[in-house]
Amino acid sequence: MVRIEWLYKRDSRRVIIFFNGWGMNGQVVKHLLCKADVVMFYDYRELSFGKLPDFRAYQEIYVVAWSMGIWAAAQLIPLLQIPPVKLIAINGTERPVDDQYGIPVRIYDLTEKGMTEKGREKFVLRMLYTQEEKERPHPGFTERPLGEVCEELVRIRELSADQTQVLKWDKVYISEKDVIFPVSNQQKWWTGRCPEVQMLPGEGHCPFYRFRNWEEIIGE
C-alpha cells in the first residue's frame, strides 16, 4: 500500500497533497515551511490505500507531484475522489519509463541493475546540480532500506507499463539541468497538455532547495 505521512497538520482549511519521488522520504522537503496542512504519499510498490485522511473538511486541496510521483498521482487521484484547486507537476511525466516521454528504457534498466548503496549515492548526486547542494547532508535520499527502494524501482516499471490514466495538470516545473528525466522528453510530453510550463534555470532534478515554503511552489 502507498504510505501516508503528515508533514504539517494544523487543522487548516487548506491541504497540500504531496506525491513524493521514488525512494524518498519526507526529509527531502523538510526545510519547506507551510501555513497549510501538508500530507505526503510515497512508496509506490502497490497502488492501493489503507486508511485515508478525511479530505472533506478542507475547503482547498492542492496536489504537488514530483518525479515518479507524477505518474503515481495520475493513477491515485481519481481514487481519492477529491476536487483539487490546482495540480502541479515537478520534473517528470505520466510516462515514467518511456523513450519518448520519460526516462529511456535502457537508462532505467541500467539504473535498476546498478542500484547498490554506492549506486544510490551516485544517483543522488546526479539529482542535484550545484556543488553547494551536493555537499549538504541528504538523509531524505538514503534513509529508506535499499532493498525496499530497489523493489519500488522495479514495481514502478512494471505498473507503469499498464497504467494509462492522465490528469489535467495546471502547472509544470521543468529544471533546466535535469539529467534524470530528460528535459526534451518532459517538454514533448507537456506540450499541449498543460497551460503553464515554467523552466527552472540552474536547477537539477531535485529543485526543492530553491524554494523556502510550499506557498511558493503552488503560487500563492
N, C-alpha and C. Protein backbone atom coordinates (compact mmCIF):
# COMPACT_ATOMS: atom_id res chain seq x y z
N MET A 1 0.84 -1.21 0.00
CA MET A 1 0.00 0.00 0.00
C MET A 1 0.87 1.26 0.00
N VAL A 2 0.35 2.30 -0.61
CA VAL A 2 1.03 3.60 -0.59
C VAL A 2 1.10 4.09 0.86
N ARG A 3 2.26 4.58 1.25
CA ARG A 3 2.42 5.08 2.61
C ARG A 3 2.04 6.55 2.68
N ILE A 4 1.48 6.94 3.82
CA ILE A 4 0.95 8.29 4.01
C ILE A 4 1.54 8.87 5.29
N GLU A 5 2.03 10.11 5.20
CA GLU A 5 2.64 10.75 6.36
C GLU A 5 2.30 12.24 6.36
N TRP A 6 1.87 12.74 7.49
CA TRP A 6 1.60 14.17 7.62
C TRP A 6 2.91 14.91 7.88
N LEU A 7 3.20 15.91 7.04
CA LEU A 7 4.37 16.76 7.25
C LEU A 7 4.01 17.99 8.08
N TYR A 8 2.81 18.52 7.86
CA TYR A 8 2.24 19.60 8.67
C TYR A 8 0.77 19.27 8.92
N LYS A 9 0.35 19.39 10.15
CA LYS A 9 -1.06 19.13 10.48
C LYS A 9 -1.50 20.18 11.50
N ARG A 10 -2.17 21.22 10.98
CA ARG A 10 -2.58 22.34 11.84
C ARG A 10 -4.09 22.56 11.79
N ASP A 11 -4.82 21.65 11.20
CA ASP A 11 -6.26 21.81 11.01
C ASP A 11 -6.57 23.07 10.23
N SER A 12 -5.78 23.30 9.21
CA SER A 12 -6.00 24.42 8.30
C SER A 12 -7.19 24.12 7.39
N ARG A 13 -7.68 25.14 6.72
CA ARG A 13 -8.74 24.94 5.73
C ARG A 13 -8.18 24.51 4.38
N ARG A 14 -6.86 24.56 4.26
CA ARG A 14 -6.18 24.20 3.01
C ARG A 14 -5.25 23.02 3.27
N VAL A 15 -5.20 22.08 2.32
CA VAL A 15 -4.27 20.96 2.43
C VAL A 15 -3.53 20.81 1.10
N ILE A 16 -2.24 20.50 1.20
CA ILE A 16 -1.42 20.18 0.04
C ILE A 16 -1.10 18.69 0.10
N ILE A 17 -1.48 17.97 -0.95
CA ILE A 17 -1.15 16.55 -1.05
C ILE A 17 0.11 16.44 -1.90
N PHE A 18 1.17 15.92 -1.30
CA PHE A 18 2.46 15.83 -1.99
C PHE A 18 2.76 14.38 -2.34
N PHE A 19 2.89 14.12 -3.64
CA PHE A 19 3.30 12.80 -4.12
C PHE A 19 4.81 12.84 -4.33
N ASN A 20 5.53 12.20 -3.43
CA ASN A 20 6.98 12.23 -3.44
C ASN A 20 7.55 11.37 -4.56
N GLY A 21 8.86 11.52 -4.80
CA GLY A 21 9.52 10.73 -5.83
C GLY A 21 9.91 9.35 -5.35
N TRP A 22 10.47 8.57 -6.27
CA TRP A 22 10.90 7.21 -5.96
C TRP A 22 12.00 7.22 -4.89
N GLY A 23 11.87 6.29 -3.94
CA GLY A 23 12.92 6.06 -2.96
C GLY A 23 13.05 7.11 -1.88
N MET A 24 12.18 8.10 -1.87
CA MET A 24 12.34 9.24 -0.97
C MET A 24 11.53 9.08 0.31
N ASN A 25 11.87 9.92 1.30
CA ASN A 25 11.00 10.12 2.46
C ASN A 25 10.83 11.62 2.66
N GLY A 26 10.22 12.03 3.76
CA GLY A 26 9.86 13.42 3.97
C GLY A 26 11.03 14.36 4.19
N GLN A 27 12.23 13.82 4.45
CA GLN A 27 13.38 14.68 4.71
C GLN A 27 13.73 15.56 3.50
N VAL A 28 13.40 15.09 2.31
CA VAL A 28 13.78 15.83 1.11
C VAL A 28 13.08 17.19 1.01
N VAL A 29 11.94 17.34 1.70
CA VAL A 29 11.21 18.62 1.69
C VAL A 29 11.02 19.17 3.10
N LYS A 30 11.81 18.67 4.05
CA LYS A 30 11.63 19.05 5.44
C LYS A 30 11.86 20.54 5.67
N HIS A 31 12.70 21.16 4.87
CA HIS A 31 13.02 22.58 5.06
C HIS A 31 11.89 23.52 4.62
N LEU A 32 10.94 23.00 3.86
CA LEU A 32 9.86 23.85 3.34
C LEU A 32 8.84 24.15 4.43
N LEU A 33 8.62 25.44 4.68
CA LEU A 33 7.61 25.86 5.66
C LEU A 33 6.25 25.90 4.99
N CYS A 34 5.19 25.92 5.79
CA CYS A 34 3.85 25.96 5.21
C CYS A 34 2.83 26.41 6.25
N LYS A 35 1.88 27.23 5.82
CA LYS A 35 0.77 27.64 6.67
C LYS A 35 -0.38 26.64 6.59
N ALA A 36 -0.40 25.87 5.51
CA ALA A 36 -1.45 24.88 5.30
C ALA A 36 -1.03 23.53 5.88
N ASP A 37 -1.94 22.57 5.87
CA ASP A 37 -1.60 21.19 6.18
C ASP A 37 -0.94 20.57 4.95
N VAL A 38 0.02 19.69 5.18
CA VAL A 38 0.70 19.00 4.08
C VAL A 38 0.75 17.52 4.40
N VAL A 39 0.23 16.70 3.49
CA VAL A 39 0.28 15.25 3.66
C VAL A 39 1.05 14.65 2.48
N MET A 40 1.95 13.74 2.79
CA MET A 40 2.82 13.14 1.78
C MET A 40 2.42 11.70 1.49
N PHE A 41 2.33 11.37 0.21
CA PHE A 41 2.16 10.00 -0.25
C PHE A 41 3.49 9.54 -0.85
N TYR A 42 3.91 8.33 -0.54
CA TYR A 42 5.16 7.82 -1.08
C TYR A 42 5.17 6.29 -1.01
N ASP A 43 6.17 5.69 -1.64
CA ASP A 43 6.33 4.24 -1.73
C ASP A 43 5.26 3.64 -2.64
N TYR A 44 5.61 3.48 -3.91
CA TYR A 44 4.62 3.09 -4.93
C TYR A 44 4.79 1.63 -5.37
N ARG A 45 5.14 0.76 -4.43
CA ARG A 45 5.26 -0.65 -4.78
C ARG A 45 3.89 -1.27 -5.08
N GLU A 46 2.87 -0.77 -4.45
CA GLU A 46 1.49 -1.18 -4.73
C GLU A 46 0.62 0.06 -4.77
N LEU A 47 -0.18 0.21 -5.81
CA LEU A 47 -1.02 1.40 -5.95
C LEU A 47 -2.38 1.15 -5.29
N SER A 48 -2.35 1.06 -3.98
CA SER A 48 -3.58 0.88 -3.21
C SER A 48 -3.44 1.64 -1.90
N PHE A 49 -4.57 1.84 -1.24
CA PHE A 49 -4.58 2.60 0.00
C PHE A 49 -5.09 1.76 1.17
N GLY A 50 -4.60 2.10 2.36
CA GLY A 50 -5.20 1.63 3.59
C GLY A 50 -6.19 2.69 4.04
N LYS A 51 -6.03 3.17 5.26
CA LYS A 51 -6.90 4.23 5.77
C LYS A 51 -6.45 5.57 5.23
N LEU A 52 -7.37 6.29 4.61
CA LEU A 52 -7.07 7.58 4.02
C LEU A 52 -7.45 8.72 4.96
N PRO A 53 -6.74 9.86 4.86
CA PRO A 53 -7.19 11.04 5.59
C PRO A 53 -8.57 11.48 5.10
N ASP A 54 -9.30 12.16 5.95
CA ASP A 54 -10.61 12.69 5.58
C ASP A 54 -10.41 14.08 4.98
N PHE A 55 -10.49 14.16 3.65
CA PHE A 55 -10.25 15.43 2.98
C PHE A 55 -11.51 16.30 2.89
N ARG A 56 -12.62 15.81 3.38
CA ARG A 56 -13.88 16.56 3.24
C ARG A 56 -13.91 17.84 4.05
N ALA A 57 -13.08 17.92 5.08
CA ALA A 57 -13.08 19.10 5.94
C ALA A 57 -12.32 20.28 5.31
N TYR A 58 -11.61 20.03 4.23
CA TYR A 58 -10.79 21.08 3.64
C TYR A 58 -11.56 21.85 2.56
N GLN A 59 -11.40 23.16 2.58
CA GLN A 59 -12.02 24.00 1.56
C GLN A 59 -11.17 24.07 0.29
N GLU A 60 -9.86 23.91 0.43
CA GLU A 60 -8.96 23.97 -0.71
C GLU A 60 -8.00 22.79 -0.67
N ILE A 61 -7.91 22.08 -1.78
CA ILE A 61 -7.00 20.94 -1.89
C ILE A 61 -6.07 21.17 -3.08
N TYR A 62 -4.78 21.15 -2.81
CA TYR A 62 -3.76 21.29 -3.85
C TYR A 62 -3.00 19.97 -3.96
N VAL A 63 -2.55 19.68 -5.16
CA VAL A 63 -1.73 18.49 -5.40
C VAL A 63 -0.40 18.94 -5.98
N VAL A 64 0.68 18.49 -5.36
CA VAL A 64 2.03 18.73 -5.87
C VAL A 64 2.68 17.36 -6.04
N ALA A 65 3.18 17.07 -7.24
CA ALA A 65 3.79 15.77 -7.50
C ALA A 65 5.16 15.97 -8.13
N TRP A 66 6.12 15.18 -7.65
CA TRP A 66 7.50 15.30 -8.14
C TRP A 66 7.96 13.97 -8.71
N SER A 67 8.59 14.05 -9.88
CA SER A 67 9.26 12.90 -10.48
C SER A 67 8.30 11.72 -10.67
N MET A 68 8.60 10.55 -10.11
CA MET A 68 7.71 9.40 -10.24
C MET A 68 6.36 9.64 -9.57
N GLY A 69 6.32 10.61 -8.67
CA GLY A 69 5.05 10.95 -8.03
C GLY A 69 4.01 11.48 -9.00
N ILE A 70 4.46 12.00 -10.14
CA ILE A 70 3.51 12.49 -11.15
C ILE A 70 2.72 11.33 -11.74
N TRP A 71 3.45 10.28 -12.10
CA TRP A 71 2.76 9.08 -12.60
C TRP A 71 1.85 8.50 -11.52
N ALA A 72 2.35 8.41 -10.29
CA ALA A 72 1.54 7.84 -9.21
C ALA A 72 0.29 8.67 -8.97
N ALA A 73 0.43 9.99 -8.97
CA ALA A 73 -0.73 10.86 -8.76
C ALA A 73 -1.78 10.64 -9.84
N ALA A 74 -1.33 10.47 -11.08
CA ALA A 74 -2.29 10.25 -12.17
C ALA A 74 -3.13 9.01 -11.95
N GLN A 75 -2.53 7.99 -11.32
CA GLN A 75 -3.27 6.76 -11.06
C GLN A 75 -4.13 6.85 -9.80
N LEU A 76 -3.67 7.60 -8.81
CA LEU A 76 -4.29 7.56 -7.49
C LEU A 76 -5.28 8.69 -7.21
N ILE A 77 -5.08 9.85 -7.81
CA ILE A 77 -6.00 10.97 -7.54
C ILE A 77 -7.45 10.61 -7.86
N PRO A 78 -7.73 9.92 -8.98
CA PRO A 78 -9.13 9.54 -9.23
C PRO A 78 -9.73 8.67 -8.14
N LEU A 79 -8.89 7.87 -7.45
CA LEU A 79 -9.39 7.02 -6.38
C LEU A 79 -9.74 7.81 -5.12
N LEU A 80 -9.12 8.97 -4.96
CA LEU A 80 -9.36 9.79 -3.77
C LEU A 80 -10.70 10.52 -3.82
N GLN A 81 -11.21 10.72 -5.04
CA GLN A 81 -12.50 11.40 -5.24
C GLN A 81 -12.50 12.77 -4.54
N ILE A 82 -11.49 13.56 -4.89
CA ILE A 82 -11.36 14.92 -4.34
C ILE A 82 -11.36 15.92 -5.49
N PRO A 83 -11.75 17.18 -5.21
CA PRO A 83 -11.72 18.22 -6.25
C PRO A 83 -10.54 19.18 -6.04
N PRO A 84 -9.35 18.86 -6.55
CA PRO A 84 -8.21 19.76 -6.33
C PRO A 84 -8.43 21.14 -6.95
N VAL A 85 -7.98 22.17 -6.24
CA VAL A 85 -7.99 23.52 -6.79
C VAL A 85 -6.94 23.63 -7.89
N LYS A 86 -5.80 22.96 -7.67
CA LYS A 86 -4.68 23.09 -8.59
C LYS A 86 -3.81 21.85 -8.52
N LEU A 87 -3.35 21.39 -9.68
CA LEU A 87 -2.43 20.25 -9.74
C LEU A 87 -1.11 20.72 -10.34
N ILE A 88 0.00 20.48 -9.63
CA ILE A 88 1.30 20.99 -10.03
C ILE A 88 2.27 19.83 -10.14
N ALA A 89 2.97 19.73 -11.26
CA ALA A 89 3.93 18.67 -11.52
C ALA A 89 5.34 19.25 -11.56
N ILE A 90 6.30 18.51 -11.02
CA ILE A 90 7.69 18.96 -10.97
C ILE A 90 8.59 17.86 -11.51
N ASN A 91 9.23 18.12 -12.63
CA ASN A 91 10.29 17.25 -13.17
C ASN A 91 9.89 15.79 -13.34
N GLY A 92 8.96 15.56 -14.23
CA GLY A 92 8.56 14.21 -14.55
C GLY A 92 7.39 14.23 -15.52
N THR A 93 6.87 13.05 -15.84
CA THR A 93 5.71 12.92 -16.70
C THR A 93 4.87 11.75 -16.22
N GLU A 94 3.75 11.55 -16.86
CA GLU A 94 2.89 10.42 -16.54
C GLU A 94 3.33 9.14 -17.26
N ARG A 95 4.42 9.21 -17.99
CA ARG A 95 5.02 8.04 -18.65
C ARG A 95 6.46 7.90 -18.15
N PRO A 96 6.65 7.39 -16.95
CA PRO A 96 7.97 7.45 -16.32
C PRO A 96 9.06 6.63 -17.00
N VAL A 97 8.69 5.53 -17.65
CA VAL A 97 9.67 4.70 -18.35
C VAL A 97 9.28 4.68 -19.82
N ASP A 98 9.87 5.57 -20.59
CA ASP A 98 9.42 5.75 -21.97
C ASP A 98 10.51 6.47 -22.76
N ASP A 99 10.87 5.94 -23.91
CA ASP A 99 11.95 6.53 -24.70
C ASP A 99 11.62 7.93 -25.20
N GLN A 100 10.35 8.20 -25.41
CA GLN A 100 9.95 9.49 -25.95
C GLN A 100 9.52 10.49 -24.89
N TYR A 101 8.84 10.01 -23.83
CA TYR A 101 8.23 10.92 -22.87
C TYR A 101 8.74 10.80 -21.44
N GLY A 102 9.61 9.85 -21.18
CA GLY A 102 10.06 9.65 -19.80
C GLY A 102 11.54 9.34 -19.74
N ILE A 103 11.92 8.50 -18.78
CA ILE A 103 13.30 8.02 -18.70
C ILE A 103 13.46 6.90 -19.74
N PRO A 104 14.42 7.02 -20.64
CA PRO A 104 14.59 5.97 -21.67
C PRO A 104 14.73 4.58 -21.04
N VAL A 105 14.16 3.59 -21.69
CA VAL A 105 14.10 2.23 -21.16
C VAL A 105 15.49 1.70 -20.82
N ARG A 106 16.45 1.92 -21.69
CA ARG A 106 17.81 1.40 -21.44
C ARG A 106 18.41 2.04 -20.19
N ILE A 107 18.23 3.33 -20.03
CA ILE A 107 18.76 4.03 -18.86
C ILE A 107 18.09 3.52 -17.59
N TYR A 108 16.78 3.31 -17.65
CA TYR A 108 16.06 2.80 -16.49
C TYR A 108 16.56 1.41 -16.11
N ASP A 109 16.76 0.56 -17.12
CA ASP A 109 17.27 -0.80 -16.85
C ASP A 109 18.65 -0.75 -16.20
N LEU A 110 19.51 0.13 -16.68
CA LEU A 110 20.85 0.25 -16.10
C LEU A 110 20.78 0.77 -14.67
N THR A 111 19.83 1.66 -14.40
CA THR A 111 19.65 2.17 -13.05
C THR A 111 19.23 1.04 -12.11
N GLU A 112 18.31 0.20 -12.56
CA GLU A 112 17.90 -0.97 -11.76
C GLU A 112 19.10 -1.88 -11.45
N LYS A 113 19.88 -2.19 -12.46
CA LYS A 113 20.98 -3.13 -12.29
C LYS A 113 22.09 -2.55 -11.41
N GLY A 114 22.23 -1.23 -11.41
CA GLY A 114 23.31 -0.61 -10.65
C GLY A 114 22.90 -0.05 -9.31
N MET A 115 21.71 -0.41 -8.82
CA MET A 115 21.21 0.18 -7.59
C MET A 115 21.74 -0.54 -6.35
N THR A 116 23.03 -0.33 -6.11
CA THR A 116 23.67 -0.73 -4.86
C THR A 116 23.71 0.51 -3.96
N GLU A 117 24.28 0.39 -2.77
CA GLU A 117 24.42 1.57 -1.92
C GLU A 117 25.28 2.63 -2.61
N LYS A 118 26.34 2.19 -3.25
CA LYS A 118 27.20 3.12 -3.98
C LYS A 118 26.46 3.70 -5.17
N GLY A 119 25.67 2.86 -5.85
CA GLY A 119 24.90 3.32 -6.99
C GLY A 119 23.85 4.34 -6.59
N ARG A 120 23.24 4.12 -5.43
CA ARG A 120 22.25 5.07 -4.95
C ARG A 120 22.89 6.43 -4.65
N GLU A 121 24.08 6.42 -4.06
CA GLU A 121 24.77 7.68 -3.76
C GLU A 121 25.09 8.43 -5.05
N LYS A 122 25.51 7.72 -6.07
CA LYS A 122 25.77 8.36 -7.37
C LYS A 122 24.50 8.95 -7.95
N PHE A 123 23.40 8.23 -7.81
CA PHE A 123 22.12 8.71 -8.31
C PHE A 123 21.71 9.99 -7.60
N VAL A 124 21.90 10.03 -6.29
CA VAL A 124 21.58 11.22 -5.50
C VAL A 124 22.34 12.43 -6.02
N LEU A 125 23.63 12.27 -6.26
CA LEU A 125 24.44 13.38 -6.73
C LEU A 125 24.01 13.85 -8.12
N ARG A 126 23.52 12.93 -8.94
CA ARG A 126 23.03 13.31 -10.28
C ARG A 126 21.71 14.10 -10.20
N MET A 127 20.96 13.89 -9.13
CA MET A 127 19.70 14.62 -8.97
C MET A 127 19.93 16.09 -8.63
N LEU A 128 21.08 16.38 -8.07
CA LEU A 128 21.40 17.74 -7.64
C LEU A 128 22.31 18.39 -8.67
N TYR A 129 22.34 19.72 -8.69
CA TYR A 129 23.13 20.40 -9.72
C TYR A 129 24.28 21.20 -9.15
N THR A 130 24.01 22.06 -8.18
CA THR A 130 25.08 22.92 -7.68
C THR A 130 25.97 22.17 -6.69
N GLN A 131 27.21 22.61 -6.58
CA GLN A 131 28.14 21.99 -5.65
C GLN A 131 27.68 22.16 -4.22
N GLU A 132 27.08 23.31 -3.93
CA GLU A 132 26.55 23.56 -2.58
C GLU A 132 25.50 22.52 -2.20
N GLU A 133 24.60 22.21 -3.14
CA GLU A 133 23.57 21.21 -2.87
C GLU A 133 24.20 19.83 -2.66
N LYS A 134 25.18 19.50 -3.46
CA LYS A 134 25.80 18.18 -3.38
C LYS A 134 26.56 17.97 -2.07
N GLU A 135 27.02 19.06 -1.49
CA GLU A 135 27.80 18.96 -0.25
C GLU A 135 26.92 18.90 1.00
N ARG A 136 25.62 19.12 0.86
CA ARG A 136 24.71 19.05 2.01
C ARG A 136 24.47 17.59 2.41
N PRO A 137 24.11 17.34 3.67
CA PRO A 137 23.65 16.00 4.05
C PRO A 137 22.34 15.67 3.32
N HIS A 138 22.14 14.41 2.96
CA HIS A 138 20.96 14.03 2.19
C HIS A 138 20.23 12.85 2.81
N PRO A 139 19.77 12.97 4.04
CA PRO A 139 19.10 11.83 4.68
C PRO A 139 17.83 11.41 3.96
N GLY A 140 17.14 12.35 3.35
CA GLY A 140 15.88 12.02 2.67
C GLY A 140 16.07 11.14 1.46
N PHE A 141 17.30 11.09 0.94
CA PHE A 141 17.56 10.29 -0.25
C PHE A 141 18.03 8.88 0.08
N THR A 142 18.50 8.66 1.29
CA THR A 142 19.17 7.39 1.57
C THR A 142 18.69 6.68 2.84
N GLU A 143 17.70 7.20 3.54
CA GLU A 143 17.28 6.59 4.80
C GLU A 143 16.46 5.32 4.61
N ARG A 144 15.68 5.24 3.53
CA ARG A 144 14.88 4.05 3.34
C ARG A 144 15.76 2.85 2.98
N PRO A 145 15.40 1.64 3.43
CA PRO A 145 16.23 0.46 3.15
C PRO A 145 16.43 0.25 1.66
N LEU A 146 17.65 -0.13 1.28
CA LEU A 146 17.99 -0.28 -0.13
C LEU A 146 17.12 -1.33 -0.82
N GLY A 147 16.88 -2.46 -0.16
CA GLY A 147 16.05 -3.49 -0.77
C GLY A 147 14.65 -3.00 -1.09
N GLU A 148 14.12 -2.18 -0.20
CA GLU A 148 12.78 -1.63 -0.40
C GLU A 148 12.72 -0.71 -1.61
N VAL A 149 13.71 0.18 -1.74
CA VAL A 149 13.66 1.12 -2.86
C VAL A 149 14.00 0.45 -4.18
N CYS A 150 14.81 -0.61 -4.13
CA CYS A 150 15.06 -1.39 -5.35
C CYS A 150 13.77 -2.06 -5.83
N GLU A 151 13.04 -2.62 -4.89
CA GLU A 151 11.76 -3.23 -5.23
C GLU A 151 10.79 -2.20 -5.80
N GLU A 152 10.79 -1.01 -5.22
CA GLU A 152 9.91 0.05 -5.72
C GLU A 152 10.28 0.44 -7.15
N LEU A 153 11.58 0.50 -7.43
CA LEU A 153 12.04 0.85 -8.77
C LEU A 153 11.53 -0.14 -9.80
N VAL A 154 11.60 -1.42 -9.47
CA VAL A 154 11.12 -2.47 -10.37
C VAL A 154 9.62 -2.39 -10.54
N ARG A 155 8.90 -2.19 -9.44
CA ARG A 155 7.44 -2.17 -9.48
C ARG A 155 6.91 -0.96 -10.27
N ILE A 156 7.59 0.17 -10.19
CA ILE A 156 7.17 1.33 -10.97
C ILE A 156 7.26 1.00 -12.46
N ARG A 157 8.32 0.35 -12.88
CA ARG A 157 8.44 -0.03 -14.29
C ARG A 157 7.32 -0.99 -14.68
N GLU A 158 7.05 -1.96 -13.84
CA GLU A 158 6.02 -2.95 -14.16
C GLU A 158 4.63 -2.33 -14.18
N LEU A 159 4.31 -1.56 -13.16
CA LEU A 159 2.97 -0.98 -13.05
C LEU A 159 2.71 0.09 -14.09
N SER A 160 3.74 0.88 -14.40
CA SER A 160 3.53 1.98 -15.34
C SER A 160 3.33 1.49 -16.77
N ALA A 161 3.74 0.25 -17.04
CA ALA A 161 3.52 -0.31 -18.37
C ALA A 161 2.04 -0.53 -18.65
N ASP A 162 1.24 -0.70 -17.60
CA ASP A 162 -0.19 -0.98 -17.77
C ASP A 162 -1.09 0.20 -17.40
N GLN A 163 -0.56 1.17 -16.68
CA GLN A 163 -1.38 2.28 -16.20
C GLN A 163 -1.34 3.43 -17.21
N THR A 164 -2.49 3.89 -17.64
CA THR A 164 -2.53 4.91 -18.69
C THR A 164 -3.39 6.12 -18.31
N GLN A 165 -3.77 6.23 -17.05
CA GLN A 165 -4.59 7.36 -16.60
C GLN A 165 -3.85 8.68 -16.82
N VAL A 166 -4.58 9.70 -17.25
CA VAL A 166 -4.00 11.02 -17.49
C VAL A 166 -4.82 12.06 -16.74
N LEU A 167 -4.14 12.95 -16.04
CA LEU A 167 -4.81 14.04 -15.32
C LEU A 167 -4.67 15.35 -16.09
N LYS A 168 -5.49 16.30 -15.73
CA LYS A 168 -5.37 17.65 -16.28
C LYS A 168 -4.58 18.49 -15.28
N TRP A 169 -3.31 18.73 -15.59
CA TRP A 169 -2.43 19.48 -14.71
C TRP A 169 -2.53 20.98 -15.01
N ASP A 170 -2.33 21.79 -13.97
CA ASP A 170 -2.46 23.24 -14.12
C ASP A 170 -1.12 23.94 -14.30
N LYS A 171 -0.06 23.37 -13.73
CA LYS A 171 1.27 23.98 -13.86
C LYS A 171 2.34 22.90 -13.78
N VAL A 172 3.40 23.12 -14.56
CA VAL A 172 4.52 22.19 -14.57
C VAL A 172 5.81 22.98 -14.39
N TYR A 173 6.68 22.47 -13.53
CA TYR A 173 8.04 22.98 -13.41
C TYR A 173 8.98 21.98 -14.07
N ILE A 174 9.91 22.49 -14.89
CA ILE A 174 10.94 21.67 -15.50
C ILE A 174 12.30 22.30 -15.20
N SER A 175 13.17 21.54 -14.55
CA SER A 175 14.50 22.05 -14.25
C SER A 175 15.38 22.00 -15.49
N GLU A 176 16.04 23.10 -15.74
CA GLU A 176 16.88 23.25 -16.93
C GLU A 176 18.00 22.22 -16.99
N LYS A 177 18.51 21.80 -15.81
CA LYS A 177 19.66 20.90 -15.75
C LYS A 177 19.28 19.50 -15.30
N ASP A 178 18.04 19.12 -15.46
CA ASP A 178 17.60 17.79 -15.06
C ASP A 178 18.24 16.73 -15.95
N VAL A 179 18.99 15.80 -15.34
CA VAL A 179 19.61 14.72 -16.11
C VAL A 179 18.99 13.36 -15.76
N ILE A 180 17.95 13.37 -14.93
CA ILE A 180 17.23 12.14 -14.59
C ILE A 180 16.09 11.93 -15.58
N PHE A 181 15.17 12.87 -15.62
CA PHE A 181 14.11 12.89 -16.64
C PHE A 181 14.58 13.84 -17.74
N PRO A 182 14.95 13.34 -18.90
CA PRO A 182 15.45 14.23 -19.95
C PRO A 182 14.52 15.41 -20.20
N VAL A 183 15.10 16.60 -20.23
CA VAL A 183 14.30 17.82 -20.39
C VAL A 183 13.49 17.78 -21.69
N SER A 184 14.11 17.32 -22.77
CA SER A 184 13.41 17.29 -24.05
C SER A 184 12.20 16.36 -24.00
N ASN A 185 12.31 15.25 -23.29
CA ASN A 185 11.18 14.32 -23.16
C ASN A 185 10.07 14.95 -22.33
N GLN A 186 10.44 15.66 -21.27
CA GLN A 186 9.42 16.36 -20.48
C GLN A 186 8.70 17.39 -21.35
N GLN A 187 9.45 18.14 -22.10
CA GLN A 187 8.84 19.19 -22.94
C GLN A 187 7.90 18.59 -23.98
N LYS A 188 8.30 17.47 -24.55
CA LYS A 188 7.43 16.82 -25.55
C LYS A 188 6.12 16.35 -24.90
N TRP A 189 6.23 15.80 -23.68
CA TRP A 189 5.02 15.31 -23.03
C TRP A 189 4.06 16.44 -22.67
N TRP A 190 4.58 17.52 -22.12
CA TRP A 190 3.70 18.56 -21.59
C TRP A 190 3.20 19.54 -22.64
N THR A 191 3.81 19.57 -23.81
CA THR A 191 3.33 20.47 -24.86
C THR A 191 1.90 20.11 -25.25
N GLY A 192 1.00 21.06 -25.07
CA GLY A 192 -0.41 20.84 -25.37
C GLY A 192 -1.17 20.15 -24.27
N ARG A 193 -0.49 19.74 -23.19
CA ARG A 193 -1.15 19.05 -22.08
C ARG A 193 -1.26 19.91 -20.83
N CYS A 194 -0.53 21.00 -20.77
CA CYS A 194 -0.56 21.85 -19.57
C CYS A 194 -0.46 23.31 -20.01
N PRO A 195 -1.31 24.19 -19.46
CA PRO A 195 -1.32 25.58 -19.89
C PRO A 195 -0.14 26.41 -19.41
N GLU A 196 0.56 25.95 -18.37
CA GLU A 196 1.66 26.74 -17.82
C GLU A 196 2.85 25.83 -17.52
N VAL A 197 3.92 26.06 -18.26
CA VAL A 197 5.16 25.33 -18.05
C VAL A 197 6.25 26.33 -17.70
N GLN A 198 6.85 26.18 -16.54
CA GLN A 198 7.89 27.11 -16.08
C GLN A 198 9.23 26.40 -15.99
N MET A 199 10.22 26.94 -16.68
CA MET A 199 11.57 26.41 -16.60
C MET A 199 12.25 26.95 -15.34
N LEU A 200 13.02 26.09 -14.70
CA LEU A 200 13.79 26.48 -13.52
C LEU A 200 15.26 26.50 -13.91
N PRO A 201 15.80 27.69 -14.17
CA PRO A 201 17.20 27.78 -14.61
C PRO A 201 18.17 27.36 -13.51
N GLY A 202 19.22 26.66 -13.91
CA GLY A 202 20.27 26.29 -12.97
C GLY A 202 19.85 25.29 -11.91
N GLU A 203 18.81 24.51 -12.17
CA GLU A 203 18.33 23.52 -11.19
C GLU A 203 18.43 22.11 -11.77
N GLY A 204 18.68 21.15 -10.89
CA GLY A 204 18.70 19.75 -11.28
C GLY A 204 17.36 19.09 -11.01
N HIS A 205 17.36 17.77 -11.00
CA HIS A 205 16.11 17.02 -10.87
C HIS A 205 15.39 17.31 -9.55
N CYS A 206 16.15 17.53 -8.50
CA CYS A 206 15.56 17.88 -7.20
C CYS A 206 15.73 19.37 -6.95
N PRO A 207 14.70 20.17 -7.22
CA PRO A 207 14.85 21.63 -7.15
C PRO A 207 14.34 22.26 -5.86
N PHE A 208 14.08 21.46 -4.84
CA PHE A 208 13.36 21.98 -3.69
C PHE A 208 14.16 22.98 -2.86
N TYR A 209 15.49 22.97 -2.99
CA TYR A 209 16.28 23.91 -2.21
C TYR A 209 16.08 25.36 -2.67
N ARG A 210 15.56 25.55 -3.87
CA ARG A 210 15.34 26.92 -4.36
C ARG A 210 14.08 27.54 -3.74
N PHE A 211 13.24 26.72 -3.13
CA PHE A 211 12.00 27.21 -2.52
C PHE A 211 12.15 27.30 -1.01
N ARG A 212 11.50 28.29 -0.42
CA ARG A 212 11.51 28.45 1.04
C ARG A 212 10.29 27.81 1.68
N ASN A 213 9.16 27.78 0.94
CA ASN A 213 7.92 27.28 1.51
C ASN A 213 7.05 26.67 0.42
N TRP A 214 6.02 25.97 0.84
CA TRP A 214 5.09 25.33 -0.09
C TRP A 214 4.27 26.35 -0.86
N GLU A 215 4.00 27.49 -0.26
CA GLU A 215 3.20 28.51 -0.93
C GLU A 215 3.89 29.00 -2.20
N GLU A 216 5.22 29.08 -2.19
CA GLU A 216 5.94 29.47 -3.40
C GLU A 216 5.71 28.45 -4.52
N ILE A 217 5.68 27.19 -4.16
CA ILE A 217 5.50 26.14 -5.17
C ILE A 217 4.11 26.19 -5.80
N ILE A 218 3.10 26.37 -4.96
CA ILE A 218 1.73 26.36 -5.51
C ILE A 218 1.32 27.72 -6.07
N GLY A 219 2.17 28.74 -5.88
CA GLY A 219 1.90 30.05 -6.47
C GLY A 219 0.93 30.89 -5.69
N GLU A 220 1.00 30.79 -4.37
CA GLU A 220 0.10 31.57 -3.50
C GLU A 220 0.88 32.62 -2.73
